[in-house]
């Protein structure tokens, strides 16, 4: 019985890791598209996981909300923060925040 529980746990971890990789790839593609449309440069050509959380949608229904962050620049000399948010499997938001440059450092 313990072997079955361990196998199920390892299988669940493997599926979760695979799904995270798929979301990461989608987030990177969406960040690239958003930067191309806004005519800014995606810095480091990468996105990173900022936050993952469970949210109550309705009674007895939970949803995973994943937030990926990235940095972009208008000129190459400044840095701004952007994000891609998934609610479940849907894209909830792609945001390029030009209101506050990141601190140099």
PDB file of N, CA and C in Angstrom:
ATOM      1  N   UNK A   1       0.809  -1.198   0.000  1.00  0.00           N
ATOM      2  CA  UNK A   1       0.000   0.000   0.000  1.00  0.00           C
ATOM      3  C   UNK A   1       0.855   1.268   0.000  1.00  0.00           C
ATOM      4  N   UNK A   2       1.933   1.260   0.746  1.00  0.00           N
ATOM      5  CA  UNK A   2       2.815   2.421   0.791  1.00  0.00           C
ATOM      6  C   UNK A   2       3.442   2.699  -0.568  1.00  0.00           C
ATOM      7  N   UNK A   3       3.748   1.640  -1.310  1.00  0.00           N
ATOM      8  CA  UNK A   3       4.334   1.819  -2.639  1.00  0.00           C
ATOM      9  C   UNK A   3       3.367   2.529  -3.582  1.00  0.00           C
ATOM     10  N   UNK A   4       2.098   2.194  -3.477  1.00  0.00           N
ATOM     11  CA  UNK A   4       1.084   2.816  -4.327  1.00  0.00           C
ATOM     12  C   UNK A   4       0.985   4.308  -4.001  1.00  0.00           C
ATOM     13  N   UNK A   5       0.982   4.650  -2.723  1.00  0.00           N
ATOM     14  CA  UNK A   5       0.891   6.049  -2.309  1.00  0.00           C
ATOM     15  C   UNK A   5       2.111   6.821  -2.803  1.00  0.00           C
ATOM     16  N   UNK A   6       3.286   6.237  -2.674  1.00  0.00           N
ATOM     17  CA  UNK A   6       4.518   6.888  -3.136  1.00  0.00           C
ATOM     18  C   UNK A   6       4.487   7.086  -4.644  1.00  0.00           C
ATOM     19  N   UNK A   7       4.043   6.069  -5.379  1.00  0.00           N
ATOM     20  CA  UNK A   7       3.951   6.191  -6.843  1.00  0.00           C
ATOM     21  C   UNK A   7       2.946   7.264  -7.247  1.00  0.00           C
ATOM     22  N   UNK A   8       1.804   7.322  -6.565  1.00  0.00           N
ATOM     23  CA  UNK A   8       0.817   8.355  -6.877  1.00  0.00           C
ATOM     24  C   UNK A   8       1.366   9.742  -6.567  1.00  0.00           C
ATOM     25  N   UNK A   9       2.067   9.875  -5.456  1.00  0.00           N
ATOM     26  CA  UNK A   9       2.660  11.151  -5.096  1.00  0.00           C
ATOM     27  C   UNK A   9       3.708  11.581  -6.120  1.00  0.00           C
ATOM     28  N   UNK A  10       4.583  10.664  -6.505  1.00  0.00           N
ATOM     29  CA  UNK A  10       5.599  10.978  -7.512  1.00  0.00           C
ATOM     30  C   UNK A  10       4.964  11.298  -8.865  1.00  0.00           C
ATOM     31  N   UNK A  11       3.923  10.565  -9.216  1.00  0.00           N
ATOM     32  CA  UNK A  11       3.209  10.844 -10.463  1.00  0.00           C
ATOM     33  C   UNK A  11       2.560  12.221 -10.430  1.00  0.00           C
ATOM     34  N   UNK A  12       1.962  12.588  -9.305  1.00  0.00           N
ATOM     35  CA  UNK A  12       1.354  13.907  -9.157  1.00  0.00           C
ATOM     36  C   UNK A  12       2.384  15.019  -9.269  1.00  0.00           C
ATOM     37  N   UNK A  13       3.540  14.815  -8.657  1.00  0.00           N
ATOM     38  CA  UNK A  13       4.613  15.801  -8.747  1.00  0.00           C
ATOM     39  C   UNK A  13       5.095  15.937 -10.187  1.00  0.00           C
ATOM     40  N   UNK A  14       5.239  14.820 -10.880  1.00  0.00           N
ATOM     41  CA  UNK A  14       5.696  14.857 -12.282  1.00  0.00           C
ATOM     42  C   UNK A  14       4.684  15.597 -13.165  1.00  0.00           C
ATOM     43  N   UNK A  15       3.399  15.340 -12.972  1.00  0.00           N
ATOM     44  CA  UNK A  15       2.361  16.014 -13.761  1.00  0.00           C
ATOM     45  C   UNK A  15       2.362  17.512 -13.460  1.00  0.00           C
ATOM     46  N   UNK A  16       2.465  17.876 -12.174  1.00  0.00           N
ATOM     47  CA  UNK A  16       2.506  19.285 -11.801  1.00  0.00           C
ATOM     48  C   UNK A  16       3.717  19.971 -12.417  1.00  0.00           C
ATOM     49  N   UNK A  17       4.874  19.351 -12.373  1.00  0.00           N
ATOM     50  CA  UNK A  17       6.101  19.919 -12.960  1.00  0.00           C
ATOM     51  C   UNK A  17       5.925  20.100 -14.469  1.00  0.00           C
ATOM     52  N   UNK A  18       5.348  19.116 -15.145  1.00  0.00           N
ATOM     53  CA  UNK A  18       5.133  19.207 -16.592  1.00  0.00           C
ATOM     54  C   UNK A  18       4.180  20.355 -16.913  1.00  0.00           C
ATOM     55  N   UNK A  19       3.102  20.484 -16.124  1.00  0.00           N
ATOM     56  CA  UNK A  19       2.155  21.581 -16.350  1.00  0.00           C
ATOM     57  C   UNK A  19       2.819  22.934 -16.124  1.00  0.00           C
ATOM     58  N   UNK A  20       3.641  23.034 -15.084  1.00  0.00           N
ATOM     59  CA  UNK A  20       4.351  24.282 -14.823  1.00  0.00           C
ATOM     60  C   UNK A  20       5.243  24.647 -16.001  1.00  0.00           C
ATOM     61  N   UNK A  21       5.910  23.670 -16.577  1.00  0.00           N
ATOM     62  CA  UNK A  21       6.755  23.921 -17.740  1.00  0.00           C
ATOM     63  C   UNK A  21       5.927  24.430 -18.916  1.00  0.00           C
ATOM     64  N   UNK A  22       4.746  23.868 -19.116  1.00  0.00           N
ATOM     65  CA  UNK A  22       3.871  24.319 -20.203  1.00  0.00           C
ATOM     66  C   UNK A  22       3.404  25.756 -19.964  1.00  0.00           C
ATOM     67  N   UNK A  23       3.046  26.083 -18.734  1.00  0.00           N
ATOM     68  CA  UNK A  23       2.649  27.462 -18.419  1.00  0.00           C
ATOM     69  C   UNK A  23       3.819  28.420 -18.593  1.00  0.00           C
ATOM     70  N   UNK A  24       5.005  27.989 -18.201  1.00  0.00           N
ATOM     71  CA  UNK A  24       6.196  28.832 -18.364  1.00  0.00           C
ATOM     72  C   UNK A  24       6.423  29.148 -19.843  1.00  0.00           C
ATOM     73  N   UNK A  25       6.309  28.142 -20.696  1.00  0.00           N
ATOM     74  CA  UNK A  25       6.495  28.352 -22.141  1.00  0.00           C
ATOM     75  C   UNK A  25       5.433  29.291 -22.708  1.00  0.00           C
ATOM     76  N   UNK A  26       4.178  29.111 -22.276  1.00  0.00           N
ATOM     77  CA  UNK A  26       3.108  30.012 -22.736  1.00  0.00           C
ATOM     78  C   UNK A  26       3.336  31.435 -22.257  1.00  0.00           C
ATOM     79  N   UNK A  27       3.771  31.580 -21.003  1.00  0.00           N
ATOM     80  CA  UNK A  27       4.029  32.910 -20.452  1.00  0.00           C
ATOM     81  C   UNK A  27       5.144  33.607 -21.221  1.00  0.00           C
ATOM     82  N   UNK A  28       6.189  32.882 -21.564  1.00  0.00           N
ATOM     83  CA  UNK A  28       7.289  33.465 -22.332  1.00  0.00           C
ATOM     84  C   UNK A  28       6.808  33.912 -23.709  1.00  0.00           C
ATOM     85  N   UNK A  29       6.008  33.091 -24.369  1.00  0.00           N
ATOM     86  CA  UNK A  29       5.476  33.463 -25.688  1.00  0.00           C
ATOM     87  C   UNK A  29       4.564  34.688 -25.580  1.00  0.00           C
ATOM     88  N   UNK A  30       3.726  34.737 -24.558  1.00  0.00           N
ATOM     89  CA  UNK A  30       2.837  35.890 -24.377  1.00  0.00           C
ATOM     90  C   UNK A  30       3.618  37.156 -24.041  1.00  0.00           C
ATOM     91  N   UNK A  31       4.671  37.031 -23.246  1.00  0.00           N
ATOM     92  CA  UNK A  31       5.506  38.194 -22.915  1.00  0.00           C
ATOM     93  C   UNK A  31       6.195  38.718 -24.173  1.00  0.00           C
ATOM     94  N   UNK A  32       6.700  37.811 -25.003  1.00  0.00           N
ATOM     95  CA  UNK A  32       7.335  38.221 -26.263  1.00  0.00           C
ATOM     96  C   UNK A  32       6.344  38.957 -27.155  1.00  0.00           C
ATOM     97  N   UNK A  33       5.137  38.395 -27.294  1.00  0.00           N
ATOM     98  CA  UNK A  33       4.117  39.032 -28.134  1.00  0.00           C
ATOM     99  C   UNK A  33       3.752  40.416 -27.615  1.00  0.00           C
ATOM    100  N   UNK A  34       3.562  40.537 -26.301  1.00  0.00           N
ATOM    101  CA  UNK A  34       3.201  41.826 -25.711  1.00  0.00           C
ATOM    102  C   UNK A  34       4.314  42.847 -25.919  1.00  0.00           C
ATOM    103  N   UNK A  35       5.556  42.428 -25.759  1.00  0.00           N
ATOM    104  CA  UNK A  35       6.682  43.348 -25.959  1.00  0.00           C
ATOM    105  C   UNK A  35       6.798  43.751 -27.428  1.00  0.00           C
ATOM    106  N   UNK A  36       6.586  42.815 -28.334  1.00  0.00           N
ATOM    107  CA  UNK A  36       6.630  43.130 -29.764  1.00  0.00           C
ATOM    108  C   UNK A  36       5.543  44.146 -30.125  1.00  0.00           C
ATOM    109  N   UNK A  37       4.319  43.930 -29.612  1.00  0.00           N
ATOM    110  CA  UNK A  37       3.219  44.848 -29.906  1.00  0.00           C
ATOM    111  C   UNK A  37       3.471  46.242 -29.335  1.00  0.00           C
ATOM    112  N   UNK A  38       4.103  46.297 -28.158  1.00  0.00           N
ATOM    113  CA  UNK A  38       4.371  47.591 -27.523  1.00  0.00           C
ATOM    114  C   UNK A  38       5.680  48.204 -28.014  1.00  0.00           C
ATOM    115  N   UNK A  39       6.375  47.485 -28.879  1.00  0.00           N
ATOM    116  CA  UNK A  39       7.657  47.924 -29.433  1.00  0.00           C
ATOM    117  C   UNK A  39       8.678  48.228 -28.338  1.00  0.00           C
ATOM    118  N   UNK A  40       8.772  47.284 -27.391  1.00  0.00           N
ATOM    119  CA  UNK A  40       9.788  47.346 -26.343  1.00  0.00           C
ATOM    120  C   UNK A  40      10.581  46.047 -26.388  1.00  0.00           C
ATOM    121  N   UNK A  41      11.694  46.020 -25.671  1.00  0.00           N
ATOM    122  CA  UNK A  41      12.596  44.873 -25.695  1.00  0.00           C
ATOM    123  C   UNK A  41      12.387  44.015 -24.449  1.00  0.00           C
ATOM    124  N   UNK A  42      12.123  42.721 -24.644  1.00  0.00           N
ATOM    125  CA  UNK A  42      12.040  41.767 -23.542  1.00  0.00           C
ATOM    126  C   UNK A  42      13.464  41.499 -23.072  1.00  0.00           C
ATOM    127  N   UNK A  43      13.751  41.848 -21.836  1.00  0.00           N
ATOM    128  CA  UNK A  43      15.118  41.691 -21.328  1.00  0.00           C
ATOM    129  C   UNK A  43      15.366  40.259 -20.865  1.00  0.00           C
ATOM    130  N   UNK A  44      16.560  39.788 -21.073  1.00  0.00           N
ATOM    131  CA  UNK A  44      17.005  38.449 -20.674  1.00  0.00           C
ATOM    132  C   UNK A  44      16.243  37.330 -21.374  1.00  0.00           C
ATOM    133  N   UNK A  45      15.293  37.675 -22.235  1.00  0.00           N
ATOM    134  CA  UNK A  45      14.488  36.702 -22.975  1.00  0.00           C
ATOM    135  C   UNK A  45      13.962  35.601 -22.054  1.00  0.00           C
ATOM    136  N   UNK A  46      13.420  36.029 -20.894  1.00  0.00           N
ATOM    137  CA  UNK A  46      12.944  35.032 -19.934  1.00  0.00           C
ATOM    138  C   UNK A  46      11.801  35.572 -19.088  1.00  0.00           C
ATOM    139  N   UNK A  47      11.061  34.629 -18.511  1.00  0.00           N
ATOM    140  CA  UNK A  47      10.044  34.924 -17.511  1.00  0.00           C
ATOM    141  C   UNK A  47      10.345  34.034 -16.311  1.00  0.00           C
ATOM    142  N   UNK A  48       9.888  34.462 -15.155  1.00  0.00           N
ATOM    143  CA  UNK A  48      10.094  33.666 -13.949  1.00  0.00           C
ATOM    144  C   UNK A  48       8.834  33.621 -13.107  1.00  0.00           C
ATOM    145  N   UNK A  49       8.666  32.534 -12.393  1.00  0.00           N
ATOM    146  CA  UNK A  49       7.502  32.385 -11.526  1.00  0.00           C
ATOM    147  C   UNK A  49       7.597  33.385 -10.380  1.00  0.00           C
ATOM    148  N   UNK A  50       6.577  34.218 -10.239  1.00  0.00           N
ATOM    149  CA  UNK A  50       6.519  35.166  -9.120  1.00  0.00           C
ATOM    150  C   UNK A  50       5.648  34.647  -7.990  1.00  0.00           C
ATOM    151  N   UNK A  51       4.529  34.028  -8.380  1.00  0.00           N
ATOM    152  CA  UNK A  51       3.573  33.623  -7.361  1.00  0.00           C
ATOM    153  C   UNK A  51       2.686  32.516  -7.890  1.00  0.00           C
ATOM    154  N   UNK A  52       2.346  31.596  -7.012  1.00  0.00           N
ATOM    155  CA  UNK A  52       1.349  30.570  -7.319  1.00  0.00           C
ATOM    156  C   UNK A  52       0.473  30.436  -6.078  1.00  0.00           C
ATOM    157  N   UNK A  53      -0.838  30.455  -6.304  1.00  0.00           N
ATOM    158  CA  UNK A  53      -1.735  30.399  -5.154  1.00  0.00           C
ATOM    159  C   UNK A  53      -3.044  29.727  -5.540  1.00  0.00           C
ATOM    160  N   UNK A  54      -3.745  29.255  -4.528  1.00  0.00           N
ATOM    161  CA  UNK A  54      -5.073  28.681  -4.708  1.00  0.00           C
ATOM    162  C   UNK A  54      -6.106  29.744  -4.368  1.00  0.00           C
ATOM    163  N   UNK A  55      -7.128  29.867  -5.217  1.00  0.00           N
ATOM    164  CA  UNK A  55      -8.182  30.865  -5.030  1.00  0.00           C
ATOM    165  C   UNK A  55      -9.527  30.142  -5.045  1.00  0.00           C
ATOM    166  N   UNK A  56     -10.417  30.537  -4.141  1.00  0.00           N
ATOM    167  CA  UNK A  56     -11.789  30.001  -4.145  1.00  0.00           C
ATOM    168  C   UNK A  56     -12.574  30.681  -5.252  1.00  0.00           C
ATOM    169  N   UNK A  57     -13.152  29.884  -6.127  1.00  0.00           N
ATOM    170  CA  UNK A  57     -14.023  30.450  -7.164  1.00  0.00           C
ATOM    171  C   UNK A  57     -15.469  30.384  -6.717  1.00  0.00           C
ATOM    172  N   UNK A  58     -15.918  29.224  -6.389  1.00  0.00           N
ATOM    173  CA  UNK A  58     -17.279  28.995  -5.894  1.00  0.00           C
ATOM    174  C   UNK A  58     -17.172  28.018  -4.732  1.00  0.00           C
ATOM    175  N   UNK A  59     -18.302  27.680  -4.168  1.00  0.00           N
ATOM    176  CA  UNK A  59     -18.292  26.715  -3.069  1.00  0.00           C
ATOM    177  C   UNK A  59     -17.635  25.415  -3.534  1.00  0.00           C
ATOM    178  N   UNK A  60     -16.669  24.974  -2.798  1.00  0.00           N
ATOM    179  CA  UNK A  60     -15.956  23.718  -3.043  1.00  0.00           C
ATOM    180  C   UNK A  60     -15.201  23.690  -4.365  1.00  0.00           C
ATOM    181  N   UNK A  61     -14.879  24.845  -4.909  1.00  0.00           N
ATOM    182  CA  UNK A  61     -14.122  24.893  -6.165  1.00  0.00           C
ATOM    183  C   UNK A  61     -12.898  25.790  -5.983  1.00  0.00           C
ATOM    184  N   UNK A  62     -11.730  25.204  -6.180  1.00  0.00           N
ATOM    185  CA  UNK A  62     -10.471  25.927  -6.084  1.00  0.00           C
ATOM    186  C   UNK A  62      -9.867  26.078  -7.471  1.00  0.00           C
ATOM    187  N   UNK A  63      -9.110  27.133  -7.641  1.00  0.00           N
ATOM    188  CA  UNK A  63      -8.445  27.387  -8.912  1.00  0.00           C
ATOM    189  C   UNK A  63      -7.009  27.818  -8.629  1.00  0.00           C
ATOM    190  N   UNK A  64      -6.084  27.327  -9.419  1.00  0.00           N
ATOM    191  CA  UNK A  64      -4.689  27.729  -9.282  1.00  0.00           C
ATOM    192  C   UNK A  64      -4.470  28.998 -10.101  1.00  0.00           C
ATOM    193  N   UNK A  65      -3.913  30.014  -9.471  1.00  0.00           N
ATOM    194  CA  UNK A  65      -3.571  31.261 -10.156  1.00  0.00           C
ATOM    195  C   UNK A  65      -2.048  31.365 -10.158  1.00  0.00           C
ATOM    196  N   UNK A  66      -1.479  31.449 -11.358  1.00  0.00           N
ATOM    197  CA  UNK A  66      -0.026  31.522 -11.526  1.00  0.00           C
ATOM    198  C   UNK A  66       0.336  32.892 -12.086  1.00  0.00           C
ATOM    199  N   UNK A  67       1.353  33.512 -11.490  1.00  0.00           N
ATOM    200  CA  UNK A  67       1.836  34.807 -11.971  1.00  0.00           C
ATOM    201  C   UNK A  67       3.304  34.677 -12.343  1.00  0.00           C
ATOM    202  N   UNK A  68       3.602  34.993 -13.596  1.00  0.00           N
ATOM    203  CA  UNK A  68       4.974  34.997 -14.095  1.00  0.00           C
ATOM    204  C   UNK A  68       5.396  36.441 -14.309  1.00  0.00           C
ATOM    205  N   UNK A  69       6.625  36.752 -13.957  1.00  0.00           N
ATOM    206  CA  UNK A  69       7.131  38.098 -14.138  1.00  0.00           C
ATOM    207  C   UNK A  69       8.253  38.146 -15.154  1.00  0.00           C
ATOM    208  N   UNK A  70       8.435  39.320 -15.736  1.00  0.00           N
ATOM    209  CA  UNK A  70       9.524  39.542 -16.681  1.00  0.00           C
ATOM    210  C   UNK A  70       9.892  41.008 -16.662  1.00  0.00           C
ATOM    211  N   UNK A  71      11.017  41.326 -17.257  1.00  0.00           N
ATOM    212  CA  UNK A  71      11.450  42.715 -17.347  1.00  0.00           C
ATOM    213  C   UNK A  71      11.603  43.095 -18.816  1.00  0.00           C
ATOM    214  N   UNK A  72      11.318  44.366 -19.090  1.00  0.00           N
ATOM    215  CA  UNK A  72      11.441  44.865 -20.451  1.00  0.00           C
ATOM    216  C   UNK A  72      11.993  46.269 -20.408  1.00  0.00           C
ATOM    217  N   UNK A  73      12.387  46.773 -21.574  1.00  0.00           N
ATOM    218  CA  UNK A  73      12.980  48.100 -21.655  1.00  0.00           C
ATOM    219  C   UNK A  73      12.524  48.802 -22.919  1.00  0.00           C
ATOM    220  N   UNK A  74      12.382  50.118 -22.815  1.00  0.00           N
ATOM    221  CA  UNK A  74      12.057  50.928 -23.994  1.00  0.00           C
ATOM    222  C   UNK A  74      13.318  51.285 -24.761  1.00  0.00           C
ATOM    223  N   UNK A  75      14.393  51.560 -24.035  1.00  0.00           N
ATOM    224  CA  UNK A  75      15.619  52.068 -24.663  1.00  0.00           C
ATOM    225  C   UNK A  75      16.821  51.161 -24.480  1.00  0.00           C
ATOM    226  N   UNK A  76      16.726  50.182 -23.608  1.00  0.00           N
ATOM    227  CA  UNK A  76      17.870  49.359 -23.275  1.00  0.00           C
ATOM    228  C   UNK A  76      18.592  49.867 -22.038  1.00  0.00           C
ATOM    229  N   UNK A  77      18.327  51.117 -21.656  1.00  0.00           N
ATOM    230  CA  UNK A  77      18.976  51.710 -20.488  1.00  0.00           C
ATOM    231  C   UNK A  77      18.068  51.685 -19.263  1.00  0.00           C
ATOM    232  N   UNK A  78      16.774  51.514 -19.467  1.00  0.00           N
ATOM    233  CA  UNK A  78      15.852  51.477 -18.335  1.00  0.00           C
ATOM    234  C   UNK A  78      15.210  50.093 -18.251  1.00  0.00           C
ATOM    235  N   UNK A  79      14.699  49.756 -17.088  1.00  0.00           N
ATOM    236  CA  UNK A  79      14.051  48.460 -16.878  1.00  0.00           C
ATOM    237  C   UNK A  79      12.681  48.677 -16.265  1.00  0.00           C
ATOM    238  N   UNK A  80      11.699  47.947 -16.798  1.00  0.00           N
ATOM    239  CA  UNK A  80      10.342  47.971 -16.274  1.00  0.00           C
ATOM    240  C   UNK A  80       9.897  46.542 -16.011  1.00  0.00           C
ATOM    241  N   UNK A  81       8.878  46.407 -15.180  1.00  0.00           N
ATOM    242  CA  UNK A  81       8.379  45.096 -14.797  1.00  0.00           C
ATOM    243  C   UNK A  81       7.086  44.782 -15.544  1.00  0.00           C
ATOM    244  N   UNK A  82       6.949  43.543 -15.957  1.00  0.00           N
ATOM    245  CA  UNK A  82       5.725  43.077 -16.592  1.00  0.00           C
ATOM    246  C   UNK A  82       5.292  41.763 -15.976  1.00  0.00           C
ATOM    247  N   UNK A  83       4.067  41.356 -16.264  1.00  0.00           N
ATOM    248  CA  UNK A  83       3.583  40.090 -15.714  1.00  0.00           C
ATOM    249  C   UNK A  83       2.593  39.418 -16.649  1.00  0.00           C
ATOM    250  N   UNK A  84       2.519  38.103 -16.502  1.00  0.00           N
ATOM    251  CA  UNK A  84       1.524  37.275 -17.184  1.00  0.00           C
ATOM    252  C   UNK A  84       0.836  36.475 -16.091  1.00  0.00           C
ATOM    253  N   UNK A  85      -0.506  36.543 -16.051  1.00  0.00           N
ATOM    254  CA  UNK A  85      -1.269  35.860 -15.008  1.00  0.00           C
ATOM    255  C   UNK A  85      -2.208  34.852 -15.658  1.00  0.00           C
ATOM    256  N   UNK A  86      -2.156  33.624 -15.147  1.00  0.00           N
ATOM    257  CA  UNK A  86      -3.065  32.562 -15.579  1.00  0.00           C
ATOM    258  C   UNK A  86      -4.008  32.245 -14.432  1.00  0.00           C
ATOM    259  N   UNK A  87      -5.293  32.171 -14.718  1.00  0.00           N
ATOM    260  CA  UNK A  87      -6.292  31.702 -13.755  1.00  0.00           C
ATOM    261  C   UNK A  87      -6.800  30.374 -14.291  1.00  0.00           C
ATOM    262  N   UNK A  88      -6.405  29.305 -13.634  1.00  0.00           N
ATOM    263  CA  UNK A  88      -6.672  27.983 -14.183  1.00  0.00           C
ATOM    264  C   UNK A  88      -5.831  27.834 -15.442  1.00  0.00           C
ATOM    265  N   UNK A  89      -6.441  27.502 -16.546  1.00  0.00           N
ATOM    266  CA  UNK A  89      -5.714  27.381 -17.818  1.00  0.00           C
ATOM    267  C   UNK A  89      -5.841  28.637 -18.683  1.00  0.00           C
ATOM    268  N   UNK A  90      -6.696  29.565 -18.257  1.00  0.00           N
ATOM    269  CA  UNK A  90      -6.938  30.768 -19.046  1.00  0.00           C
ATOM    270  C   UNK A  90      -5.934  31.871 -18.719  1.00  0.00           C
ATOM    271  N   UNK A  91      -5.620  32.658 -19.725  1.00  0.00           N
ATOM    272  CA  UNK A  91      -4.802  33.845 -19.509  1.00  0.00           C
ATOM    273  C   UNK A  91      -5.713  34.905 -18.907  1.00  0.00           C
ATOM    274  N   UNK A  92      -5.384  35.353 -17.718  1.00  0.00           N
ATOM    275  CA  UNK A  92      -6.190  36.372 -17.056  1.00  0.00           C
ATOM    276  C   UNK A  92      -5.705  37.769 -17.416  1.00  0.00           C
ATOM    277  N   UNK A  93      -4.371  37.951 -17.505  1.00  0.00           N
ATOM    278  CA  UNK A  93      -3.845  39.284 -17.807  1.00  0.00           C
ATOM    279  C   UNK A  93      -2.412  39.193 -18.296  1.00  0.00           C
ATOM    280  N   UNK A  94      -2.067  40.120 -19.195  1.00  0.00           N
ATOM    281  CA  UNK A  94      -0.684  40.362 -19.598  1.00  0.00           C
ATOM    282  C   UNK A  94      -0.484  41.851 -19.400  1.00  0.00           C
ATOM    283  N   UNK A  95       0.459  42.210 -18.533  1.00  0.00           N
ATOM    284  CA  UNK A  95       0.612  43.601 -18.143  1.00  0.00           C
ATOM    285  C   UNK A  95       2.038  44.077 -18.345  1.00  0.00           C
ATOM    286  N   UNK A  96       2.172  45.215 -19.031  1.00  0.00           N
ATOM    287  CA  UNK A  96       3.447  45.900 -19.157  1.00  0.00           C
ATOM    288  C   UNK A  96       3.320  47.193 -18.356  1.00  0.00           C
ATOM    289  N   UNK A  97       3.977  47.265 -17.218  1.00  0.00           N
ATOM    290  CA  UNK A  97       3.844  48.422 -16.323  1.00  0.00           C
ATOM    291  C   UNK A  97       4.906  49.463 -16.611  1.00  0.00           C
ATOM    292  N   UNK A  98       4.517  50.507 -17.327  1.00  0.00           N
ATOM    293  CA  UNK A  98       5.436  51.604 -17.652  1.00  0.00           C
ATOM    294  C   UNK A  98       5.390  52.737 -16.628  1.00  0.00           C
ATOM    295  N   UNK A  99       4.602  52.548 -15.571  1.00  0.00           N
ATOM    296  CA  UNK A  99       4.417  53.643 -14.613  1.00  0.00           C
ATOM    297  C   UNK A  99       5.623  53.852 -13.701  1.00  0.00           C
ATOM    298  N   UNK A 100       6.344  52.782 -13.375  1.00  0.00           N
ATOM    299  CA  UNK A 100       7.474  52.929 -12.470  1.00  0.00           C
ATOM    300  C   UNK A 100       8.665  52.117 -12.968  1.00  0.00           C
ATOM    301  N   UNK A 101       9.760  52.780 -13.322  1.00  0.00           N
ATOM    302  CA  UNK A 101      10.955  52.023 -13.688  1.00  0.00           C
ATOM    303  C   UNK A 101      11.532  51.323 -12.454  1.00  0.00           C
ATOM    304  N   UNK A 102      12.167  50.190 -12.696  1.00  0.00           N
ATOM    305  CA  UNK A 102      12.806  49.471 -11.609  1.00  0.00           C
ATOM    306  C   UNK A 102      14.070  50.211 -11.182  1.00  0.00           C
ATOM    307  N   UNK A 103      14.407  50.094  -9.932  1.00  0.00           N
ATOM    308  CA  UNK A 103      15.604  50.764  -9.413  1.00  0.00           C
ATOM    309  C   UNK A 103      16.854  50.176 -10.047  1.00  0.00           C
ATOM    310  N   UNK A 104      17.773  51.038 -10.406  1.00  0.00           N
ATOM    311  CA  UNK A 104      19.040  50.576 -10.974  1.00  0.00           C
ATOM    312  C   UNK A 104      19.855  49.924  -9.869  1.00  0.00           C
ATOM    313  N   UNK A 105      20.524  48.858 -10.244  1.00  0.00           N
ATOM    314  CA  UNK A 105      21.316  48.331  -9.171  1.00  0.00           C
ATOM    315  C   UNK A 105      21.871  47.045  -9.392  1.00  0.00           C
TER     316      UNK A 105
END
